[in-house]
Amino acid sequence: MQGLSIQSLKKHKALIPLYVCVGLGCAGSVFYLARLALRSPDVSWNKRTNPEPWEEYRNKQYKFYSPIRDYSKEESPAPKY
């Protein structure tokens, strides 16, 4: 098939940017999925050491910046189990 081997890419140089863009898109999507799986507070991988992971985020601020309110002084509206 044309464009799938190194020799045919040398003949069809216009396909090289296409492969680079598709490769970067795939790498970015894999990075984003790994970031969501490892850093998101909604995902818990180890239930033995931390059976209630949502309690860690009770006093943390979710918003990056709020000019009106200081969330560090307010109590969390989440119920205590």
PDB file of N, CA and C in Angstrom:
ATOM      1  N   MET A   1       0.850  -1.193   0.000  1.00  0.00           N
ATOM      2  CA  MET A   1       0.000   0.000   0.000  1.00  0.00           C
ATOM      3  C   MET A   1       0.883   1.239   0.000  1.00  0.00           C
ATOM      4  N   GLN A   2       0.464   2.217  -0.738  1.00  0.00           N
ATOM      5  CA  GLN A   2       1.264   3.425  -0.873  1.00  0.00           C
ATOM      6  C   GLN A   2       1.141   4.289   0.374  1.00  0.00           C
ATOM      7  N   GLY A   3       2.266   4.835   0.826  1.00  0.00           N
ATOM      8  CA  GLY A   3       2.269   5.755   1.954  1.00  0.00           C
ATOM      9  C   GLY A   3       2.416   5.094   3.302  1.00  0.00           C
ATOM     10  N   LEU A   4       2.509   3.764   3.361  1.00  0.00           N
ATOM     11  CA  LEU A   4       2.615   3.081   4.639  1.00  0.00           C
ATOM     12  C   LEU A   4       4.021   2.559   4.932  1.00  0.00           C
ATOM     13  N   SER A   5       4.929   2.657   3.985  1.00  0.00           N
ATOM     14  CA  SER A   5       6.296   2.220   4.219  1.00  0.00           C
ATOM     15  C   SER A   5       7.231   3.428   4.103  1.00  0.00           C
ATOM     16  N   ILE A   6       8.446   3.254   4.578  1.00  0.00           N
ATOM     17  CA  ILE A   6       9.418   4.348   4.530  1.00  0.00           C
ATOM     18  C   ILE A   6       9.772   4.694   3.090  1.00  0.00           C
ATOM     19  N   GLN A   7       9.886   3.704   2.240  1.00  0.00           N
ATOM     20  CA  GLN A   7      10.233   3.961   0.839  1.00  0.00           C
ATOM     21  C   GLN A   7       9.149   4.753   0.126  1.00  0.00           C
ATOM     22  N   SER A   8       7.893   4.438   0.392  1.00  0.00           N
ATOM     23  CA  SER A   8       6.821   5.177  -0.281  1.00  0.00           C
ATOM     24  C   SER A   8       6.644   6.566   0.329  1.00  0.00           C
ATOM     25  N   LEU A   9       7.029   6.735   1.604  1.00  0.00           N
ATOM     26  CA  LEU A   9       6.976   8.078   2.195  1.00  0.00           C
ATOM     27  C   LEU A   9       8.030   8.994   1.578  1.00  0.00           C
ATOM     28  N   LYS A  10       9.134   8.428   1.140  1.00  0.00           N
ATOM     29  CA  LYS A  10      10.153   9.235   0.454  1.00  0.00           C
ATOM     30  C   LYS A  10       9.635   9.754  -0.872  1.00  0.00           C
ATOM     31  N   LYS A  11       8.749   8.988  -1.501  1.00  0.00           N
ATOM     32  CA  LYS A  11       8.174   9.426  -2.772  1.00  0.00           C
ATOM     33  C   LYS A  11       7.027  10.414  -2.563  1.00  0.00           C
ATOM     34  N   HIS A  12       6.210  10.191  -1.514  1.00  0.00           N
ATOM     35  CA  HIS A  12       5.056  11.042  -1.231  1.00  0.00           C
ATOM     36  C   HIS A  12       5.331  11.846   0.038  1.00  0.00           C
ATOM     37  N   LYS A  13       6.095  12.901  -0.097  1.00  0.00           N
ATOM     38  CA  LYS A  13       6.523  13.695   1.054  1.00  0.00           C
ATOM     39  C   LYS A  13       5.377  14.481   1.699  1.00  0.00           C
ATOM     40  N   ALA A  14       4.286  14.646   1.001  1.00  0.00           N
ATOM     41  CA  ALA A  14       3.159  15.391   1.548  1.00  0.00           C
ATOM     42  C   ALA A  14       2.432  14.613   2.643  1.00  0.00           C
ATOM     43  N   LEU A  15       2.672  13.308   2.729  1.00  0.00           N
ATOM     44  CA  LEU A  15       2.025  12.505   3.772  1.00  0.00           C
ATOM     45  C   LEU A  15       2.732  12.589   5.119  1.00  0.00           C
ATOM     46  N   ILE A  16       3.971  13.061   5.143  1.00  0.00           N
ATOM     47  CA  ILE A  16       4.734  13.114   6.392  1.00  0.00           C
ATOM     48  C   ILE A  16       4.068  14.029   7.422  1.00  0.00           C
ATOM     49  N   PRO A  17       3.635  15.254   7.092  1.00  0.00           N
ATOM     50  CA  PRO A  17       2.948  16.077   8.103  1.00  0.00           C
ATOM     51  C   PRO A  17       1.645  15.459   8.599  1.00  0.00           C
ATOM     52  N   LEU A  18       0.970  14.721   7.739  1.00  0.00           N
ATOM     53  CA  LEU A  18      -0.257  14.042   8.148  1.00  0.00           C
ATOM     54  C   LEU A  18       0.041  13.002   9.219  1.00  0.00           C
ATOM     55  N   TYR A  19       1.071  12.188   8.999  1.00  0.00           N
ATOM     56  CA  TYR A  19       1.446  11.182   9.991  1.00  0.00           C
ATOM     57  C   TYR A  19       1.928  11.820  11.293  1.00  0.00           C
ATOM     58  N   VAL A  20       2.627  12.931  11.195  1.00  0.00           N
ATOM     59  CA  VAL A  20       3.097  13.631  12.406  1.00  0.00           C
ATOM     60  C   VAL A  20       1.910  14.165  13.202  1.00  0.00           C
ATOM     61  N   CYS A  21       0.960  14.774  12.542  1.00  0.00           N
ATOM     62  CA  CYS A  21      -0.216  15.319  13.239  1.00  0.00           C
ATOM     63  C   CYS A  21      -1.063  14.217  13.872  1.00  0.00           C
ATOM     64  N   VAL A  22      -1.256  13.131  13.159  1.00  0.00           N
ATOM     65  CA  VAL A  22      -2.032  12.015  13.710  1.00  0.00           C
ATOM     66  C   VAL A  22      -1.298  11.396  14.893  1.00  0.00           C
ATOM     67  N   GLY A  23       0.017  11.268  14.790  1.00  0.00           N
ATOM     68  CA  GLY A  23       0.806  10.722  15.890  1.00  0.00           C
ATOM     69  C   GLY A  23       0.759  11.610  17.122  1.00  0.00           C
ATOM     70  N   LEU A  24       0.861  12.926  16.936  1.00  0.00           N
ATOM     71  CA  LEU A  24       0.767  13.856  18.067  1.00  0.00           C
ATOM     72  C   LEU A  24      -0.625  13.840  18.691  1.00  0.00           C
ATOM     73  N   GLY A  25      -1.641  13.723  17.871  1.00  0.00           N
ATOM     74  CA  GLY A  25      -3.009  13.634  18.403  1.00  0.00           C
ATOM     75  C   GLY A  25      -3.220  12.382  19.226  1.00  0.00           C
ATOM     76  N   CYS A  26      -2.707  11.261  18.751  1.00  0.00           N
ATOM     77  CA  CYS A  26      -2.829  10.006  19.504  1.00  0.00           C
ATOM     78  C   CYS A  26      -2.053  10.080  20.813  1.00  0.00           C
ATOM     79  N   ALA A  27      -0.846  10.638  20.772  1.00  0.00           N
ATOM     80  CA  ALA A  27      -0.045  10.759  21.992  1.00  0.00           C
ATOM     81  C   ALA A  27      -0.715  11.703  22.992  1.00  0.00           C
ATOM     82  N   GLY A  28      -1.300  12.792  22.506  1.00  0.00           N
ATOM     83  CA  GLY A  28      -2.002  13.716  23.395  1.00  0.00           C
ATOM     84  C   GLY A  28      -3.226  13.089  24.036  1.00  0.00           C
ATOM     85  N   SER A  29      -3.948  12.293  23.280  1.00  0.00           N
ATOM     86  CA  SER A  29      -5.139  11.652  23.847  1.00  0.00           C
ATOM     87  C   SER A  29      -4.758  10.590  24.875  1.00  0.00           C
ATOM     88  N   VAL A  30      -3.672   9.861  24.639  1.00  0.00           N
ATOM     89  CA  VAL A  30      -3.210   8.873  25.622  1.00  0.00           C
ATOM     90  C   VAL A  30      -2.741   9.576  26.892  1.00  0.00           C
ATOM     91  N   PHE A  31      -2.029  10.689  26.754  1.00  0.00           N
ATOM     92  CA  PHE A  31      -1.579  11.453  27.912  1.00  0.00           C
ATOM     93  C   PHE A  31      -2.772  11.979  28.714  1.00  0.00           C
ATOM     94  N   TYR A  32      -3.783  12.490  28.031  1.00  0.00           N
ATOM     95  CA  TYR A  32      -4.948  13.036  28.716  1.00  0.00           C
ATOM     96  C   TYR A  32      -5.731  11.942  29.454  1.00  0.00           C
ATOM     97  N   LEU A  33      -5.897  10.793  28.833  1.00  0.00           N
ATOM     98  CA  LEU A  33      -6.590   9.689  29.500  1.00  0.00           C
ATOM     99  C   LEU A  33      -5.812   9.185  30.709  1.00  0.00           C
ATOM    100  N   ALA A  34      -4.484   9.125  30.591  1.00  0.00           N
ATOM    101  CA  ALA A  34      -3.666   8.707  31.738  1.00  0.00           C
ATOM    102  C   ALA A  34      -3.753   9.745  32.857  1.00  0.00           C
ATOM    103  N   ARG A  35      -3.785  11.010  32.504  1.00  0.00           N
ATOM    104  CA  ARG A  35      -3.905  12.068  33.507  1.00  0.00           C
ATOM    105  C   ARG A  35      -5.250  11.982  34.225  1.00  0.00           C
ATOM    106  N   LEU A  36      -6.308  11.739  33.486  1.00  0.00           N
ATOM    107  CA  LEU A  36      -7.620  11.593  34.109  1.00  0.00           C
ATOM    108  C   LEU A  36      -7.677  10.370  35.022  1.00  0.00           C
ATOM    109  N   ALA A  37      -7.062   9.286  34.606  1.00  0.00           N
ATOM    110  CA  ALA A  37      -7.118   8.060  35.392  1.00  0.00           C
ATOM    111  C   ALA A  37      -6.276   8.153  36.655  1.00  0.00           C
ATOM    112  N   LEU A  38      -5.191   8.913  36.621  1.00  0.00           N
ATOM    113  CA  LEU A  38      -4.276   8.944  37.755  1.00  0.00           C
ATOM    114  C   LEU A  38      -4.481  10.134  38.683  1.00  0.00           C
ATOM    115  N   ARG A  39      -4.960  11.258  38.177  1.00  0.00           N
ATOM    116  CA  ARG A  39      -5.042  12.478  38.986  1.00  0.00           C
ATOM    117  C   ARG A  39      -6.447  12.922  39.351  1.00  0.00           C
ATOM    118  N   SER A  40      -7.441  12.342  38.777  1.00  0.00           N
ATOM    119  CA  SER A  40      -8.809  12.779  39.019  1.00  0.00           C
ATOM    120  C   SER A  40      -9.291  12.315  40.398  1.00  0.00           C
ATOM    121  N   PRO A  41     -10.000  13.163  41.132  1.00  0.00           N
ATOM    122  CA  PRO A  41     -10.511  12.732  42.440  1.00  0.00           C
ATOM    123  C   PRO A  41     -11.678  11.758  42.329  1.00  0.00           C
ATOM    124  N   ASP A  42     -12.215  11.568  41.141  1.00  0.00           N
ATOM    125  CA  ASP A  42     -13.334  10.648  40.965  1.00  0.00           C
ATOM    126  C   ASP A  42     -12.894   9.199  40.824  1.00  0.00           C
ATOM    127  N   VAL A  43     -11.584   8.970  40.647  1.00  0.00           N
ATOM    128  CA  VAL A  43     -11.071   7.620  40.420  1.00  0.00           C
ATOM    129  C   VAL A  43     -10.302   7.164  41.646  1.00  0.00           C
ATOM    130  N   SER A  44     -10.604   5.977  42.129  1.00  0.00           N
ATOM    131  CA  SER A  44      -9.889   5.395  43.261  1.00  0.00           C
ATOM    132  C   SER A  44      -9.328   4.047  42.849  1.00  0.00           C
ATOM    133  N   TRP A  45      -7.999   3.922  42.850  1.00  0.00           N
ATOM    134  CA  TRP A  45      -7.359   2.689  42.427  1.00  0.00           C
ATOM    135  C   TRP A  45      -7.095   1.750  43.587  1.00  0.00           C
ATOM    136  N   ASN A  46      -6.900   2.277  44.798  1.00  0.00           N
ATOM    137  CA  ASN A  46      -6.523   1.443  45.926  1.00  0.00           C
ATOM    138  C   ASN A  46      -7.526   1.644  47.053  1.00  0.00           C
ATOM    139  N   LYS A  47      -8.426   0.720  47.210  1.00  0.00           N
ATOM    140  CA  LYS A  47      -9.461   0.836  48.246  1.00  0.00           C
ATOM    141  C   LYS A  47      -8.971   0.368  49.608  1.00  0.00           C
ATOM    142  N   ARG A  48      -7.860  -0.366  49.678  1.00  0.00           N
ATOM    143  CA  ARG A  48      -7.397  -0.891  50.959  1.00  0.00           C
ATOM    144  C   ARG A  48      -6.763   0.185  51.824  1.00  0.00           C
ATOM    145  N   THR A  49      -5.877   0.988  51.240  1.00  0.00           N
ATOM    146  CA  THR A  49      -5.187   1.998  52.046  1.00  0.00           C
ATOM    147  C   THR A  49      -6.044   3.240  52.264  1.00  0.00           C
ATOM    148  N   ASN A  50      -6.956   3.505  51.364  1.00  0.00           N
ATOM    149  CA  ASN A  50      -7.792   4.693  51.488  1.00  0.00           C
ATOM    150  C   ASN A  50      -9.228   4.326  51.118  1.00  0.00           C
ATOM    151  N   PRO A  51     -10.019   3.810  52.061  1.00  0.00           N
ATOM    152  CA  PRO A  51     -11.360   3.343  51.701  1.00  0.00           C
ATOM    153  C   PRO A  51     -12.332   4.476  51.355  1.00  0.00           C
ATOM    154  N   GLU A  52     -12.071   5.678  51.832  1.00  0.00           N
ATOM    155  CA  GLU A  52     -12.943   6.820  51.521  1.00  0.00           C
ATOM    156  C   GLU A  52     -12.108   7.954  50.937  1.00  0.00           C
ATOM    157  N   PRO A  53     -11.752   7.879  49.653  1.00  0.00           N
ATOM    158  CA  PRO A  53     -10.855   8.886  49.076  1.00  0.00           C
ATOM    159  C   PRO A  53     -11.495  10.261  48.934  1.00  0.00           C
ATOM    160  N   TRP A  54     -12.800  10.335  48.924  1.00  0.00           N
ATOM    161  CA  TRP A  54     -13.462  11.630  48.766  1.00  0.00           C
ATOM    162  C   TRP A  54     -13.287  12.495  50.004  1.00  0.00           C
ATOM    163  N   GLU A  55     -12.936  11.926  51.128  1.00  0.00           N
ATOM    164  CA  GLU A  55     -12.727  12.716  52.337  1.00  0.00           C
ATOM    165  C   GLU A  55     -11.466  13.571  52.251  1.00  0.00           C
ATOM    166  N   GLU A  56     -10.518  13.193  51.412  1.00  0.00           N
ATOM    167  CA  GLU A  56      -9.312  14.007  51.226  1.00  0.00           C
ATOM    168  C   GLU A  56      -9.646  15.349  50.592  1.00  0.00           C
ATOM    169  N   TYR A  57     -10.681  15.400  49.807  1.00  0.00           N
ATOM    170  CA  TYR A  57     -11.020  16.603  49.056  1.00  0.00           C
ATOM    171  C   TYR A  57     -12.105  17.437  49.737  1.00  0.00           C
ATOM    172  N   ARG A  58     -12.411  17.149  50.977  1.00  0.00           N
ATOM    173  CA  ARG A  58     -13.452  17.897  51.676  1.00  0.00           C
ATOM    174  C   ARG A  58     -13.052  19.357  51.867  1.00  0.00           C
ATOM    175  N   ASN A  59     -11.817  19.616  52.227  1.00  0.00           N
ATOM    176  CA  ASN A  59     -11.386  20.987  52.528  1.00  0.00           C
ATOM    177  C   ASN A  59     -10.541  21.597  51.425  1.00  0.00           C
ATOM    178  N   LYS A  60     -10.414  20.951  50.298  1.00  0.00           N
ATOM    179  CA  LYS A  60      -9.614  21.501  49.209  1.00  0.00           C
ATOM    180  C   LYS A  60     -10.480  22.367  48.306  1.00  0.00           C
ATOM    181  N   GLN A  61      -9.831  23.363  47.709  1.00  0.00           N
ATOM    182  CA  GLN A  61     -10.523  24.282  46.820  1.00  0.00           C
ATOM    183  C   GLN A  61     -10.512  23.724  45.402  1.00  0.00           C
ATOM    184  N   TYR A  62     -11.676  23.637  44.787  1.00  0.00           N
ATOM    185  CA  TYR A  62     -11.769  23.123  43.423  1.00  0.00           C
ATOM    186  C   TYR A  62     -11.556  24.222  42.388  1.00  0.00           C
ATOM    187  N   LYS A  63     -12.055  25.400  42.668  1.00  0.00           N
ATOM    188  CA  LYS A  63     -11.897  26.494  41.723  1.00  0.00           C
ATOM    189  C   LYS A  63     -10.480  27.031  41.790  1.00  0.00           C
ATOM    190  N   PHE A  64      -9.962  27.444  40.640  1.00  0.00           N
ATOM    191  CA  PHE A  64      -8.612  27.982  40.597  1.00  0.00           C
ATOM    192  C   PHE A  64      -8.566  29.377  41.207  1.00  0.00           C
ATOM    193  N   TYR A  65      -9.552  30.212  40.884  1.00  0.00           N
ATOM    194  CA  TYR A  65      -9.553  31.589  41.368  1.00  0.00           C
ATOM    195  C   TYR A  65     -10.988  32.074  41.467  1.00  0.00           C
ATOM    196  N   SER A  66     -11.304  32.705  42.583  1.00  0.00           N
ATOM    197  CA  SER A  66     -12.610  33.319  42.757  1.00  0.00           C
ATOM    198  C   SER A  66     -12.417  34.672  43.442  1.00  0.00           C
ATOM    199  N   PRO A  67     -12.705  35.769  42.750  1.00  0.00           N
ATOM    200  CA  PRO A  67     -12.496  37.081  43.361  1.00  0.00           C
ATOM    201  C   PRO A  67     -13.541  37.423  44.425  1.00  0.00           C
ATOM    202  N   ILE A  68     -14.656  36.723  44.453  1.00  0.00           N
ATOM    203  CA  ILE A  68     -15.745  37.060  45.360  1.00  0.00           C
ATOM    204  C   ILE A  68     -15.609  36.333  46.686  1.00  0.00           C
ATOM    205  N   ARG A  69     -15.271  35.077  46.658  1.00  0.00           N
ATOM    206  CA  ARG A  69     -15.341  34.207  47.806  1.00  0.00           C
ATOM    207  C   ARG A  69     -13.997  33.578  48.143  1.00  0.00           C
ATOM    208  N   ASP A  70     -13.723  33.403  49.424  1.00  0.00           N
ATOM    209  CA  ASP A  70     -12.542  32.667  49.861  1.00  0.00           C
ATOM    210  C   ASP A  70     -13.005  31.300  50.351  1.00  0.00           C
ATOM    211  N   TYR A  71     -12.763  30.290  49.544  1.00  0.00           N
ATOM    212  CA  TYR A  71     -13.278  28.953  49.835  1.00  0.00           C
ATOM    213  C   TYR A  71     -12.524  28.268  50.975  1.00  0.00           C
ATOM    214  N   SER A  72     -11.349  28.782  51.346  1.00  0.00           N
ATOM    215  CA  SER A  72     -10.604  28.142  52.427  1.00  0.00           C
ATOM    216  C   SER A  72     -11.252  28.408  53.785  1.00  0.00           C
ATOM    217  N   LYS A  73     -12.066  29.449  53.896  1.00  0.00           N
ATOM    218  CA  LYS A  73     -12.714  29.783  55.169  1.00  0.00           C
ATOM    219  C   LYS A  73     -14.125  29.223  55.273  1.00  0.00           C
ATOM    220  N   GLU A  74     -14.666  28.736  54.176  1.00  0.00           N
ATOM    221  CA  GLU A  74     -16.027  28.202  54.198  1.00  0.00           C
ATOM    222  C   GLU A  74     -16.010  26.709  54.460  1.00  0.00           C
ATOM    223  N   GLU A  75     -17.057  26.222  55.099  1.00  0.00           N
ATOM    224  CA  GLU A  75     -17.162  24.795  55.370  1.00  0.00           C
ATOM    225  C   GLU A  75     -17.737  24.079  54.162  1.00  0.00           C
ATOM    226  N   SER A  76     -17.324  22.858  53.970  1.00  0.00           N
ATOM    227  CA  SER A  76     -17.762  22.083  52.833  1.00  0.00           C
ATOM    228  C   SER A  76     -19.238  21.704  52.984  1.00  0.00           C
ATOM    229  N   PRO A  77     -20.050  21.811  51.904  1.00  0.00           N
ATOM    230  CA  PRO A  77     -21.453  21.430  51.998  1.00  0.00           C
ATOM    231  C   PRO A  77     -21.646  19.913  51.867  1.00  0.00           C
ATOM    232  N   ALA A  78     -20.566  19.175  51.698  1.00  0.00           N
ATOM    233  CA  ALA A  78     -20.698  17.720  51.547  1.00  0.00           C
ATOM    234  C   ALA A  78     -21.112  17.083  52.869  1.00  0.00           C
ATOM    235  N   PRO A  79     -21.947  16.078  52.844  1.00  0.00           N
ATOM    236  CA  PRO A  79     -22.356  15.410  54.078  1.00  0.00           C
ATOM    237  C   PRO A  79     -21.207  14.595  54.669  1.00  0.00           C
ATOM    238  N   LYS A  80     -21.200  14.496  55.989  1.00  0.00           N
ATOM    239  CA  LYS A  80     -20.169  13.708  56.663  1.00  0.00           C
ATOM    240  C   LYS A  80     -20.730  12.326  56.951  1.00  0.00           C
ATOM    241  N   TYR A  81     -20.086  11.317  56.421  1.00  0.00           N
ATOM    242  CA  TYR A  81     -20.573   9.946  56.572  1.00  0.00           C
ATOM    243  C   TYR A  81     -19.925   9.283  57.757  1.00  0.00           C
TER     244      TYR A  81
END
